[in-house]
Amino acid sequence: MIERLPGNKRALITSIAFVLAVVNPFVEALYTDSPTPLMVSHYALAFGGGLIGYYYFRARKSFLAYLGSLIIIAWHYPDLYVLSAVDLIYRAVDSLTVFVAGFLIGASVHSMRYVEKLALLILWLIGDTTLAVALLASYPLYSNPPVPYSPWTPGSEQLTGFVMMAIMMGILGFILFKAFRQFRLIY
């Protein structure tokens, strides 16, 4: 179902750097201060897993990318998101499964048709943008009172929305740059 590829040392080092940057006591101590570090950790873990999946493995079926996407979506459900910030067990499961989800997506890219890749990208952009706009508008998704055990106030979510938009624009810019280079629109 998944075959091994030769790999890429730079991708491995980058993946390890992403994981170590967010899975450490210093960053995790910030999780209860603001939802932003936890959101950044989701990006870092998913990208770290994605790099390992893409450069070291090839899934024969693209459905694993959809499974990975569902795992990531599940962790952004408000109760699970807050629990992963305030409870060590949830945080460990969150970190591991988001990394694995990224791995599944990365390994599946090789077997996906272009339309599937484009559809997943568009759905990710729509979902992330919707969440970021809701956070920017101070709609209380992850804060107290909607989630009674949340350590965050509604105003603390705006920074998370800004950071999400910045990360999305960076990723989209990178994808467009790579696409333009592939189609020789830029050199």
Protein backbone atom coordinates (compact mmCIF):
# COMPACT_ATOMS: atom_id res chain seq x y z
CA MET A 1 0.00 0.00 0.00
CA ILE A 2 2.92 2.35 0.75
CA GLU A 3 6.31 1.87 -0.87
CA ARG A 4 9.64 3.30 0.25
CA LEU A 5 11.48 5.94 -1.82
CA PRO A 6 15.18 6.89 -1.67
CA GLY A 7 14.48 10.06 0.30
CA ASN A 8 16.03 13.49 0.58
CA LYS A 9 18.32 14.54 3.45
CA ARG A 10 17.29 18.19 3.27
CA ALA A 11 13.62 17.22 3.60
CA LEU A 12 14.47 15.01 6.58
CA ILE A 13 16.42 17.78 8.33
CA THR A 14 13.66 20.31 7.61
CA SER A 15 11.03 17.91 8.96
CA ILE A 16 13.01 17.31 12.14
CA ALA A 17 13.52 21.08 12.55
CA PHE A 18 9.76 21.70 12.18
CA VAL A 19 8.96 19.07 14.81
CA LEU A 20 11.63 20.20 17.27
CA ALA A 21 10.59 23.83 16.85
CA VAL A 22 7.10 23.15 18.17
CA VAL A 23 7.31 19.97 20.24
CA ASN A 24 9.29 21.24 23.19
CA PRO A 25 8.39 22.49 26.66
CA PHE A 26 9.14 26.14 25.84
CA VAL A 27 6.64 26.38 22.99
CA GLU A 28 4.10 24.11 24.64
CA ALA A 29 4.10 26.36 27.71
CA LEU A 30 2.75 29.11 25.45
CA TYR A 31 -0.30 27.07 24.41
CA THR A 32 -2.40 28.26 27.33
CA ASP A 33 -1.46 31.93 26.75
CA SER A 34 -2.75 32.12 23.17
CA PRO A 35 -4.20 29.81 20.51
CA THR A 36 -1.56 31.02 18.03
CA PRO A 37 1.36 28.75 19.04
CA LEU A 38 -0.89 25.69 18.86
CA MET A 39 -2.09 26.68 15.38
CA VAL A 40 1.49 27.24 14.23
CA SER A 41 2.41 23.83 15.65
CA HIS A 42 -0.33 22.24 13.53
CA TYR A 43 1.16 23.76 10.38
CA ALA A 44 4.70 22.75 11.37
CA LEU A 45 3.75 19.18 12.28
CA ALA A 46 1.63 18.66 9.17
CA PHE A 47 4.38 20.05 6.93
CA GLY A 48 7.02 18.01 8.72
CA GLY A 49 4.99 14.84 8.24
CA GLY A 50 4.21 15.86 4.67
CA LEU A 51 7.88 16.22 3.80
CA ILE A 52 8.69 12.75 5.15
CA GLY A 53 5.67 11.26 3.39
CA TYR A 54 6.45 12.94 0.06
CA TYR A 55 10.19 12.36 -0.13
CA TYR A 56 10.46 8.96 1.56
CA PHE A 57 7.24 7.12 0.70
CA ARG A 58 4.67 6.65 -2.05
CA ALA A 59 1.11 5.61 -1.26
CA ARG A 60 -0.56 3.67 -4.04
CA LYS A 61 -3.99 5.04 -3.17
CA SER A 62 -4.87 8.71 -2.92
CA PHE A 63 -7.62 8.14 -0.35
CA LEU A 64 -4.98 8.35 2.39
CA ALA A 65 -4.70 12.08 1.65
CA TYR A 66 -8.40 12.47 2.41
CA LEU A 67 -7.97 10.53 5.64
CA GLY A 68 -5.08 12.81 6.60
CA SER A 69 -7.17 15.87 5.82
CA LEU A 70 -10.02 14.61 8.01
CA ILE A 71 -7.62 14.07 10.92
CA ILE A 72 -6.40 17.65 10.67
CA ILE A 73 -9.96 18.99 10.38
CA ALA A 74 -10.99 17.02 13.48
CA TRP A 75 -8.28 18.65 15.61
CA HIS A 76 -9.68 22.08 14.75
CA TYR A 77 -13.05 21.25 16.27
CA PRO A 78 -13.16 23.73 19.20
CA ASP A 79 -13.33 21.21 22.07
CA LEU A 80 -10.49 19.05 20.73
CA TYR A 81 -8.39 22.11 19.89
CA VAL A 82 -8.69 23.54 23.41
CA LEU A 83 -8.17 20.13 25.03
CA SER A 84 -4.91 19.72 23.15
CA ALA A 85 -3.74 23.04 24.57
CA VAL A 86 -4.64 22.33 28.19
CA ASP A 87 -4.12 18.56 28.57
CA LEU A 88 -0.79 16.81 28.00
CA ILE A 89 -2.33 13.52 26.81
CA TYR A 90 -4.52 15.27 24.24
CA ARG A 91 -1.52 17.36 23.18
CA ALA A 92 0.59 14.26 22.58
CA VAL A 93 -2.18 12.57 20.57
CA ASP A 94 -2.77 15.83 18.66
CA SER A 95 0.91 16.25 17.77
CA LEU A 96 1.34 12.64 16.72
CA THR A 97 -1.83 12.42 14.63
CA VAL A 98 -1.31 15.78 12.90
CA PHE A 99 2.22 14.65 11.96
CA VAL A 100 0.84 11.33 10.69
CA ALA A 101 -1.91 13.17 8.80
CA GLY A 102 0.72 15.28 7.05
CA PHE A 103 2.65 12.10 6.30
CA LEU A 104 -0.44 10.49 4.73
CA ILE A 105 -1.08 13.56 2.58
CA GLY A 106 2.57 13.80 1.50
CA ALA A 107 2.84 10.10 0.64
CA SER A 108 -0.42 10.24 -1.33
CA VAL A 109 0.51 13.19 -3.54
CA HIS A 110 2.39 10.86 -5.92
CA SER A 111 -0.75 8.86 -6.72
CA MET A 112 -3.18 11.78 -6.91
CA ARG A 113 -4.50 13.12 -10.17
CA TYR A 114 -3.94 16.81 -10.83
CA VAL A 115 -7.63 17.56 -10.22
CA GLU A 116 -7.44 15.89 -6.80
CA LYS A 117 -4.39 17.92 -5.82
CA LEU A 118 -6.07 21.11 -6.97
CA ALA A 119 -9.34 20.24 -5.19
CA LEU A 120 -7.56 19.51 -1.89
CA LEU A 121 -5.59 22.75 -2.18
CA ILE A 122 -8.74 24.77 -2.86
CA LEU A 123 -10.67 23.08 -0.04
CA TRP A 124 -7.77 23.71 2.36
CA LEU A 125 -7.63 27.38 1.34
CA ILE A 126 -11.40 27.76 1.76
CA GLY A 127 -11.40 26.03 5.15
CA ASP A 128 -8.37 27.87 6.50
CA THR A 129 -9.56 31.22 5.19
CA THR A 130 -13.00 30.73 6.72
CA LEU A 131 -11.47 29.88 10.09
CA ALA A 132 -8.97 32.76 9.88
CA VAL A 133 -11.69 35.29 8.99
CA ALA A 134 -13.87 34.06 11.86
CA LEU A 135 -10.93 34.49 14.24
CA LEU A 136 -10.08 37.92 12.81
CA ALA A 137 -13.69 38.99 13.31
CA SER A 138 -13.37 37.98 16.98
CA TYR A 139 -15.99 35.29 16.61
CA PRO A 140 -15.31 33.25 19.76
CA LEU A 141 -14.55 29.76 18.49
CA TYR A 142 -11.87 28.58 20.88
CA SER A 143 -12.30 30.96 23.79
CA ASN A 144 -14.36 31.04 26.94
CA PRO A 145 -17.51 31.04 27.09
CA PRO A 146 -18.18 28.79 24.04
CA VAL A 147 -15.59 26.35 25.39
CA PRO A 148 -15.93 26.70 29.19
CA TYR A 149 -12.49 25.26 30.03
CA SER A 150 -10.66 27.40 27.46
CA PRO A 151 -7.84 29.52 28.86
CA TRP A 152 -8.21 32.06 26.05
CA THR A 153 -10.24 35.24 25.74
CA PRO A 154 -12.04 36.11 22.48
CA GLY A 155 -9.56 38.92 21.78
CA SER A 156 -6.63 36.48 21.84
CA GLU A 157 -7.90 34.73 18.73
CA GLN A 158 -7.33 37.64 16.33
CA LEU A 159 -3.56 37.15 16.22
CA THR A 160 -4.16 33.51 15.31
CA GLY A 161 -6.26 34.63 12.33
CA PHE A 162 -3.50 37.00 11.15
CA VAL A 163 -0.84 34.31 11.49
CA MET A 164 -3.00 31.80 9.60
CA MET A 165 -3.48 34.26 6.73
CA ALA A 166 0.26 34.96 6.59
CA ILE A 167 1.15 31.25 6.55
CA MET A 168 -1.48 30.53 3.88
CA MET A 169 -0.23 33.35 1.67
CA GLY A 170 3.34 32.08 2.03
CA ILE A 171 2.34 28.55 1.10
CA LEU A 172 0.19 29.70 -1.80
CA GLY A 173 3.02 31.92 -3.05
CA PHE A 174 5.43 28.98 -2.89
CA ILE A 175 3.00 26.70 -4.75
CA LEU A 176 2.41 29.32 -7.45
CA PHE A 177 6.15 29.93 -7.79
CA LYS A 178 6.77 26.18 -8.23
CA ALA A 179 3.89 25.92 -10.74
CA PHE A 180 5.16 28.87 -12.76
CA ARG A 181 8.64 27.36 -12.82
CA GLN A 182 7.25 23.98 -13.85
CA PHE A 183 5.33 25.53 -16.75
CA ARG A 184 8.34 27.74 -17.54
CA LEU A 185 6.45 30.98 -16.96
CA ILE A 186 9.35 32.19 -14.79
CA TYR A 187 12.96 31.05 -14.64
